[in-house]
Structure formats: structure tokens, C-alpha cells
């Protein structure tokens, strides 16, 4: 759903938090109750999937790839039939491009990348298809 909030946390922010927590425990010691730290973005500065897609599209025009074959797009659906329809459209094209690269003696990486992307989509499906409301009371 493009209206769902995405919890994107930059890696450098997570690393900075880990350093500060280590420093804080080193200075104060381990007395009292163990503090629980939370690092979230959705409460303070929410970014929806739709807004993330707008930013992705803008950056695609600012920094285009010279090796781009297809124009990227997002499909917001929980309907598996629609996703299979997208596969039905793209998979033959990917096989044609893969065959052309094999005939030219190049590596046939596009089919491998497509399969890895599909596997990754299956892994993150549970998290990305739901709305998560994380609290930032103890940040």
C-alpha cells in the first residue's frame, strides 16, 4: 500500500547509535535497570512507500545508469495474480536479453539478478506488505 509508512533507518545512524550507547554504558557503568534503546523514523519523520517511490523516480533521472535496460516501476499490490502477470510480461524479455548476451559472449547476469531479486522479494514480503507502528518513547 503506497500509504503505509516505511521504516528506513540509514546505516550510519544505526552505527552512531551503537557507538553512543557503548560510550554511555562505559561512562555510567552497568548500574540500575538495563536501558532499552529504540531507533525509529516513522513517528518523527514518516516516509510512505508512495513518497519513497517519488524520490526513487526523481533520483533515477538525476543519476541515470548507462546500463539500464528497463524503466523501473513499483507495483503496489497484495494480489499474487497481478505479480504473476508482471512476471509473465518481463520474464520473456529477460530471457531474450539473456540469450543475446550469451550469443555475444558476455555473461548472462540478468537472469541471475532477476532470480535473486524475486527471492529477496519473497524474504521481505512479510515486512513490506504490512503497516508497522514503532514507538519512539525511549529514543
N, C-alpha and C. Protein backbone atom coordinates (compact mmCIF):
# COMPACT_ATOMS: atom_id res chain seq x y z
N UNK A 1 0.85 -1.18 0.00
CA UNK A 1 0.00 0.00 0.00
C UNK A 1 0.89 1.24 0.00
N UNK A 2 0.74 2.14 -0.96
CA UNK A 2 1.60 3.33 -1.02
C UNK A 2 1.40 4.28 0.15
N UNK A 3 0.34 4.09 0.93
CA UNK A 3 0.10 4.97 2.09
C UNK A 3 0.75 4.45 3.36
N UNK A 4 1.28 3.23 3.34
CA UNK A 4 1.94 2.67 4.52
C UNK A 4 3.27 3.37 4.78
N UNK A 5 3.58 3.56 6.04
CA UNK A 5 4.83 4.20 6.43
C UNK A 5 5.96 3.18 6.36
N UNK A 6 7.07 3.60 5.79
CA UNK A 6 8.26 2.77 5.66
C UNK A 6 9.22 3.13 6.79
N UNK A 7 9.80 2.14 7.41
CA UNK A 7 10.80 2.39 8.46
C UNK A 7 12.19 2.25 7.85
N UNK A 8 12.67 3.32 7.23
CA UNK A 8 14.02 3.35 6.70
C UNK A 8 14.93 4.03 7.71
N UNK A 9 15.96 3.34 8.13
CA UNK A 9 16.96 3.91 9.03
C UNK A 9 18.31 3.80 8.32
N UNK A 10 18.97 4.92 8.06
CA UNK A 10 20.28 4.85 7.43
C UNK A 10 21.29 4.09 8.30
N UNK A 11 22.16 3.34 7.67
CA UNK A 11 23.12 2.51 8.39
C UNK A 11 24.02 3.35 9.28
N UNK A 12 24.45 4.52 8.81
CA UNK A 12 25.34 5.34 9.62
C UNK A 12 24.65 5.79 10.91
N UNK A 13 23.35 6.00 10.87
CA UNK A 13 22.61 6.38 12.07
C UNK A 13 22.58 5.24 13.08
N UNK A 14 22.39 4.03 12.61
CA UNK A 14 22.40 2.85 13.49
C UNK A 14 23.78 2.68 14.12
N UNK A 15 24.83 2.83 13.32
CA UNK A 15 26.20 2.71 13.84
C UNK A 15 26.48 3.81 14.86
N UNK A 16 26.06 5.04 14.57
CA UNK A 16 26.24 6.14 15.53
C UNK A 16 25.54 5.85 16.84
N UNK A 17 24.31 5.32 16.77
CA UNK A 17 23.58 4.97 17.99
C UNK A 17 24.32 3.90 18.78
N UNK A 18 24.85 2.89 18.10
CA UNK A 18 25.58 1.82 18.78
C UNK A 18 26.82 2.37 19.48
N UNK A 19 27.52 3.30 18.84
CA UNK A 19 28.72 3.91 19.45
C UNK A 19 28.33 4.71 20.68
N UNK A 20 27.29 5.52 20.57
CA UNK A 20 26.85 6.36 21.69
C UNK A 20 26.38 5.50 22.86
N UNK A 21 25.66 4.43 22.57
CA UNK A 21 25.20 3.54 23.64
C UNK A 21 26.39 2.90 24.34
N UNK A 22 27.36 2.43 23.59
CA UNK A 22 28.57 1.86 24.19
C UNK A 22 29.30 2.87 25.04
N UNK A 23 29.43 4.08 24.55
CA UNK A 23 30.10 5.15 25.30
C UNK A 23 29.32 5.45 26.58
N UNK A 24 28.01 5.55 26.46
CA UNK A 24 27.15 5.87 27.60
C UNK A 24 27.25 4.80 28.69
N UNK A 25 27.22 3.54 28.30
CA UNK A 25 27.34 2.45 29.28
C UNK A 25 28.74 2.46 29.89
N UNK A 26 29.75 2.77 29.10
CA UNK A 26 31.12 2.84 29.62
C UNK A 26 31.30 3.95 30.63
N UNK A 27 30.66 5.09 30.42
CA UNK A 27 30.77 6.23 31.33
C UNK A 27 29.95 6.00 32.60
N UNK A 28 28.71 5.59 32.46
CA UNK A 28 27.80 5.43 33.60
C UNK A 28 28.01 4.12 34.33
N UNK A 29 28.52 3.13 33.66
CA UNK A 29 28.61 1.81 34.26
C UNK A 29 27.31 1.06 34.06
N UNK A 30 27.26 -0.15 34.55
CA UNK A 30 26.09 -1.01 34.34
C UNK A 30 25.23 -1.08 35.60
N UNK A 31 24.96 0.05 36.23
CA UNK A 31 24.12 0.03 37.42
C UNK A 31 22.67 0.32 37.06
N UNK A 32 21.78 -0.12 37.92
CA UNK A 32 20.36 0.14 37.72
C UNK A 32 19.76 -0.75 36.65
N UNK A 33 18.54 -0.42 36.27
CA UNK A 33 17.88 -1.24 35.24
C UNK A 33 18.57 -1.08 33.89
N UNK A 34 18.53 -2.14 33.14
CA UNK A 34 19.16 -2.12 31.81
C UNK A 34 18.29 -1.28 30.88
N UNK A 35 18.86 -0.21 30.30
CA UNK A 35 18.06 0.62 29.40
C UNK A 35 17.81 -0.09 28.07
N UNK A 36 16.67 0.17 27.51
CA UNK A 36 16.32 -0.37 26.20
C UNK A 36 16.26 0.80 25.23
N UNK A 37 17.04 0.72 24.19
CA UNK A 37 17.11 1.81 23.22
C UNK A 37 16.31 1.44 21.97
N UNK A 38 15.75 2.45 21.36
CA UNK A 38 14.91 2.25 20.19
C UNK A 38 15.26 3.31 19.15
N UNK A 39 15.44 2.90 17.92
CA UNK A 39 15.79 3.82 16.84
C UNK A 39 14.77 3.64 15.72
N UNK A 40 13.86 4.59 15.58
CA UNK A 40 12.80 4.51 14.57
C UNK A 40 12.72 5.82 13.81
N UNK A 41 12.08 5.79 12.65
CA UNK A 41 11.94 7.02 11.86
C UNK A 41 10.48 7.38 11.60
N UNK A 42 9.57 6.43 11.69
CA UNK A 42 8.20 6.64 11.27
C UNK A 42 7.40 7.62 12.09
N UNK A 43 7.71 7.79 13.37
CA UNK A 43 6.94 8.69 14.22
C UNK A 43 7.33 10.14 13.99
N UNK A 44 8.61 10.42 13.89
CA UNK A 44 9.10 11.79 13.77
C UNK A 44 9.04 12.31 12.33
N UNK A 45 9.47 11.48 11.40
CA UNK A 45 9.60 11.90 10.01
C UNK A 45 9.09 10.78 9.10
N UNK A 46 7.77 10.60 9.03
CA UNK A 46 7.25 9.45 8.28
C UNK A 46 7.47 9.56 6.77
N UNK A 47 7.89 8.46 6.19
CA UNK A 47 8.04 8.34 4.74
C UNK A 47 7.16 7.18 4.30
N UNK A 48 6.26 7.43 3.38
CA UNK A 48 5.39 6.36 2.89
C UNK A 48 6.04 5.67 1.70
N UNK A 49 5.52 4.51 1.35
CA UNK A 49 6.03 3.82 0.17
C UNK A 49 5.85 4.68 -1.08
N UNK A 50 4.73 5.41 -1.15
CA UNK A 50 4.48 6.28 -2.30
C UNK A 50 5.50 7.40 -2.40
N UNK A 51 5.82 8.04 -1.27
CA UNK A 51 6.82 9.11 -1.25
C UNK A 51 8.20 8.56 -1.57
N UNK A 52 8.51 7.38 -1.06
CA UNK A 52 9.78 6.74 -1.36
C UNK A 52 9.90 6.49 -2.86
N UNK A 53 8.79 6.07 -3.48
CA UNK A 53 8.80 5.82 -4.92
C UNK A 53 9.00 7.11 -5.71
N UNK A 54 8.40 8.21 -5.24
CA UNK A 54 8.61 9.51 -5.90
C UNK A 54 10.08 9.90 -5.85
N UNK A 55 10.71 9.74 -4.68
CA UNK A 55 12.14 10.06 -4.55
C UNK A 55 12.99 9.16 -5.45
N UNK A 56 12.63 7.88 -5.54
CA UNK A 56 13.36 6.95 -6.39
C UNK A 56 13.27 7.37 -7.85
N UNK A 57 12.07 7.77 -8.29
CA UNK A 57 11.89 8.19 -9.68
C UNK A 57 12.68 9.46 -9.99
N UNK A 58 12.68 10.42 -9.05
CA UNK A 58 13.44 11.66 -9.26
C UNK A 58 14.94 11.37 -9.35
N UNK A 59 15.45 10.54 -8.44
CA UNK A 59 16.89 10.26 -8.45
C UNK A 59 17.28 9.44 -9.67
N UNK A 60 16.35 8.69 -10.22
CA UNK A 60 16.63 7.91 -11.42
C UNK A 60 16.93 8.82 -12.61
N UNK A 61 16.30 9.99 -12.66
CA UNK A 61 16.54 10.94 -13.74
C UNK A 61 17.78 11.78 -13.48
N UNK A 62 18.10 12.01 -12.21
CA UNK A 62 19.28 12.81 -11.88
C UNK A 62 20.56 11.99 -12.08
N UNK A 63 20.54 10.72 -11.66
CA UNK A 63 21.70 9.85 -11.78
C UNK A 63 21.33 8.60 -12.58
N UNK A 64 21.12 8.72 -13.88
CA UNK A 64 20.70 7.54 -14.66
C UNK A 64 21.86 6.56 -14.85
N UNK A 65 21.51 5.30 -14.95
CA UNK A 65 22.51 4.26 -15.20
C UNK A 65 22.72 4.12 -16.71
N UNK A 66 23.96 3.95 -17.10
CA UNK A 66 24.26 3.76 -18.52
C UNK A 66 23.94 2.33 -18.96
N UNK A 67 23.75 1.42 -17.99
CA UNK A 67 23.49 0.02 -18.31
C UNK A 67 22.02 -0.35 -18.11
N UNK A 68 21.18 0.64 -18.01
CA UNK A 68 19.76 0.41 -17.77
C UNK A 68 19.10 -0.20 -19.00
N UNK A 69 18.31 -1.25 -18.77
CA UNK A 69 17.62 -1.92 -19.86
C UNK A 69 16.13 -1.57 -19.84
N UNK A 70 15.54 -1.64 -18.64
CA UNK A 70 14.12 -1.36 -18.47
C UNK A 70 13.94 -0.11 -17.61
N UNK A 71 12.83 0.55 -17.80
CA UNK A 71 12.46 1.63 -16.90
C UNK A 71 11.88 0.99 -15.64
N UNK A 72 12.39 1.33 -14.49
CA UNK A 72 11.91 0.71 -13.25
C UNK A 72 10.57 1.29 -12.84
N UNK A 73 9.80 0.47 -12.17
CA UNK A 73 8.50 0.90 -11.68
C UNK A 73 8.14 0.07 -10.45
N UNK A 74 7.20 0.56 -9.69
CA UNK A 74 6.74 -0.15 -8.49
C UNK A 74 5.31 -0.60 -8.72
N UNK A 75 5.00 -1.80 -8.27
CA UNK A 75 3.64 -2.32 -8.31
C UNK A 75 3.21 -2.52 -6.87
N UNK A 76 2.23 -1.73 -6.43
CA UNK A 76 1.72 -1.85 -5.07
C UNK A 76 0.49 -2.74 -5.09
N UNK A 77 0.67 -3.99 -4.75
CA UNK A 77 -0.46 -4.91 -4.73
C UNK A 77 -0.15 -6.07 -3.80
N UNK A 78 -1.19 -6.61 -3.23
CA UNK A 78 -1.05 -7.85 -2.46
C UNK A 78 -1.66 -9.00 -3.25
N UNK A 79 -2.09 -8.73 -4.46
CA UNK A 79 -2.70 -9.74 -5.32
C UNK A 79 -1.60 -10.50 -6.06
N UNK A 80 -1.49 -11.78 -5.78
CA UNK A 80 -0.44 -12.59 -6.41
C UNK A 80 -0.65 -12.72 -7.92
N UNK A 81 -1.89 -12.67 -8.37
CA UNK A 81 -2.17 -12.76 -9.80
C UNK A 81 -1.54 -11.59 -10.55
N UNK A 82 -1.64 -10.40 -9.98
CA UNK A 82 -1.05 -9.22 -10.62
C UNK A 82 0.47 -9.37 -10.68
N UNK A 83 1.08 -9.88 -9.62
CA UNK A 83 2.53 -10.08 -9.62
C UNK A 83 2.95 -11.13 -10.65
N UNK A 84 2.16 -12.18 -10.79
CA UNK A 84 2.45 -13.19 -11.79
C UNK A 84 2.29 -12.63 -13.20
N UNK A 85 1.36 -11.71 -13.37
CA UNK A 85 1.16 -11.06 -14.66
C UNK A 85 2.39 -10.21 -15.02
N UNK A 86 2.94 -9.52 -14.04
CA UNK A 86 4.17 -8.74 -14.27
C UNK A 86 5.31 -9.67 -14.66
N UNK A 87 5.42 -10.82 -13.98
CA UNK A 87 6.43 -11.81 -14.35
C UNK A 87 6.21 -12.31 -15.77
N UNK A 88 4.97 -12.53 -16.13
CA UNK A 88 4.64 -13.03 -17.46
C UNK A 88 5.07 -12.04 -18.54
N UNK A 89 5.02 -10.76 -18.24
CA UNK A 89 5.44 -9.74 -19.20
C UNK A 89 6.96 -9.65 -19.25
N UNK A 90 7.61 -9.64 -18.10
CA UNK A 90 9.05 -9.38 -18.05
C UNK A 90 9.92 -10.61 -18.29
N UNK A 91 9.48 -11.78 -17.87
CA UNK A 91 10.34 -12.96 -17.98
C UNK A 91 10.74 -13.29 -19.42
N UNK A 92 9.84 -13.25 -20.40
CA UNK A 92 10.30 -13.50 -21.78
C UNK A 92 11.32 -12.46 -22.26
N UNK A 93 11.13 -11.19 -21.90
CA UNK A 93 12.10 -10.16 -22.28
C UNK A 93 13.46 -10.43 -21.65
N UNK A 94 13.45 -10.86 -20.42
CA UNK A 94 14.71 -11.15 -19.73
C UNK A 94 15.41 -12.33 -20.39
N UNK A 95 14.66 -13.35 -20.79
CA UNK A 95 15.27 -14.49 -21.48
C UNK A 95 15.83 -14.09 -22.84
N UNK A 96 15.17 -13.20 -23.55
CA UNK A 96 15.69 -12.72 -24.84
C UNK A 96 16.99 -11.96 -24.62
N UNK A 97 17.01 -11.05 -23.66
CA UNK A 97 18.23 -10.28 -23.37
C UNK A 97 19.34 -11.21 -22.91
N UNK A 98 19.00 -12.20 -22.11
CA UNK A 98 19.97 -13.17 -21.63
C UNK A 98 20.56 -13.96 -22.81
N UNK A 99 19.72 -14.37 -23.75
CA UNK A 99 20.19 -15.11 -24.92
C UNK A 99 21.10 -14.25 -25.80
N UNK A 100 20.74 -13.00 -25.98
CA UNK A 100 21.57 -12.09 -26.77
C UNK A 100 22.94 -11.92 -26.12
N UNK A 101 22.98 -11.77 -24.81
CA UNK A 101 24.27 -11.61 -24.13
C UNK A 101 25.10 -12.89 -24.23
N UNK A 102 24.45 -14.05 -24.21
CA UNK A 102 25.19 -15.31 -24.38
C UNK A 102 25.77 -15.41 -25.79
N UNK A 103 25.00 -15.01 -26.80
CA UNK A 103 25.49 -15.05 -28.18
C UNK A 103 26.65 -14.09 -28.40
N UNK A 104 26.66 -13.00 -27.67
CA UNK A 104 27.75 -12.02 -27.80
C UNK A 104 28.97 -12.40 -26.96
N UNK A 105 28.86 -13.49 -26.21
CA UNK A 105 29.97 -13.94 -25.38
C UNK A 105 30.09 -13.22 -24.06
N UNK A 106 29.04 -12.52 -23.68
CA UNK A 106 29.05 -11.80 -22.41
C UNK A 106 28.43 -12.68 -21.32
N UNK A 107 28.56 -12.24 -20.10
CA UNK A 107 27.97 -13.00 -19.00
C UNK A 107 26.45 -12.82 -19.02
N UNK A 108 25.77 -13.85 -18.66
CA UNK A 108 24.31 -13.81 -18.64
C UNK A 108 23.82 -13.53 -17.21
N UNK A 109 24.16 -12.37 -16.73
CA UNK A 109 23.90 -11.99 -15.35
C UNK A 109 22.45 -11.56 -15.11
N UNK A 110 21.76 -11.10 -16.15
CA UNK A 110 20.43 -10.51 -15.93
C UNK A 110 19.43 -11.53 -15.39
N UNK A 111 19.48 -12.76 -15.88
CA UNK A 111 18.56 -13.79 -15.39
C UNK A 111 18.89 -14.15 -13.94
N UNK A 112 20.16 -14.21 -13.63
CA UNK A 112 20.59 -14.49 -12.26
C UNK A 112 20.13 -13.37 -11.33
N UNK A 113 20.30 -12.13 -11.78
CA UNK A 113 19.86 -10.98 -10.97
C UNK A 113 18.35 -10.99 -10.77
N UNK A 114 17.61 -11.33 -11.80
CA UNK A 114 16.15 -11.38 -11.70
C UNK A 114 15.71 -12.43 -10.68
N UNK A 115 16.35 -13.59 -10.73
CA UNK A 115 16.00 -14.65 -9.77
C UNK A 115 16.34 -14.23 -8.35
N UNK A 116 17.48 -13.59 -8.17
CA UNK A 116 17.85 -13.12 -6.83
C UNK A 116 16.89 -12.05 -6.33
N UNK A 117 16.46 -11.18 -7.24
CA UNK A 117 15.50 -10.15 -6.86
C UNK A 117 14.18 -10.77 -6.44
N UNK A 118 13.73 -11.81 -7.15
CA UNK A 118 12.49 -12.49 -6.79
C UNK A 118 12.62 -13.17 -5.43
N UNK A 119 13.77 -13.80 -5.16
CA UNK A 119 13.99 -14.43 -3.86
C UNK A 119 14.00 -13.40 -2.75
N UNK A 120 14.66 -12.27 -2.99
CA UNK A 120 14.70 -11.20 -1.99
C UNK A 120 13.29 -10.66 -1.73
N UNK A 121 12.50 -10.53 -2.78
CA UNK A 121 11.12 -10.07 -2.62
C UNK A 121 10.32 -11.00 -1.73
N UNK A 122 10.55 -12.30 -1.87
CA UNK A 122 9.86 -13.27 -1.03
C UNK A 122 10.29 -13.13 0.43
N UNK A 123 11.57 -12.85 0.64
CA UNK A 123 12.10 -12.73 2.00
C UNK A 123 11.51 -11.51 2.71
N UNK A 124 11.44 -10.37 2.03
CA UNK A 124 10.99 -9.13 2.68
C UNK A 124 9.48 -8.91 2.56
N UNK A 125 8.78 -9.84 1.95
CA UNK A 125 7.34 -9.68 1.73
C UNK A 125 6.58 -9.48 3.04
N UNK A 126 6.90 -10.24 4.06
CA UNK A 126 6.17 -10.15 5.33
C UNK A 126 6.30 -8.75 5.93
N UNK A 127 7.48 -8.18 5.86
CA UNK A 127 7.73 -6.87 6.46
C UNK A 127 7.17 -5.74 5.60
N UNK A 128 7.34 -5.84 4.30
CA UNK A 128 6.97 -4.73 3.42
C UNK A 128 5.48 -4.65 3.11
N UNK A 129 4.76 -5.72 3.31
CA UNK A 129 3.32 -5.73 2.98
C UNK A 129 2.44 -5.38 4.17
N UNK A 130 3.03 -4.94 5.27
CA UNK A 130 2.26 -4.60 6.46
C UNK A 130 2.64 -3.21 6.95
N UNK A 131 1.71 -2.60 7.67
CA UNK A 131 1.97 -1.31 8.32
C UNK A 131 2.52 -1.60 9.71
N UNK A 132 3.66 -1.02 10.04
CA UNK A 132 4.28 -1.21 11.35
C UNK A 132 4.28 0.12 12.09
N UNK A 133 3.87 0.09 13.34
CA UNK A 133 3.85 1.30 14.17
C UNK A 133 4.81 1.12 15.33
N UNK A 134 6.02 1.60 15.17
CA UNK A 134 7.04 1.51 16.21
C UNK A 134 6.97 2.77 17.06
N UNK A 135 7.11 2.62 18.34
CA UNK A 135 7.08 3.75 19.27
C UNK A 135 8.49 4.31 19.42
N UNK A 136 8.57 5.62 19.63
CA UNK A 136 9.87 6.25 19.86
C UNK A 136 9.90 6.93 21.22
N UNK A 137 9.29 6.30 22.22
CA UNK A 137 9.25 6.87 23.56
C UNK A 137 10.63 6.92 24.21
N UNK A 138 11.47 5.94 23.95
CA UNK A 138 12.75 5.82 24.63
C UNK A 138 13.89 5.98 23.63
N UNK A 139 13.90 7.12 22.94
CA UNK A 139 14.98 7.34 21.97
C UNK A 139 15.87 8.47 22.43
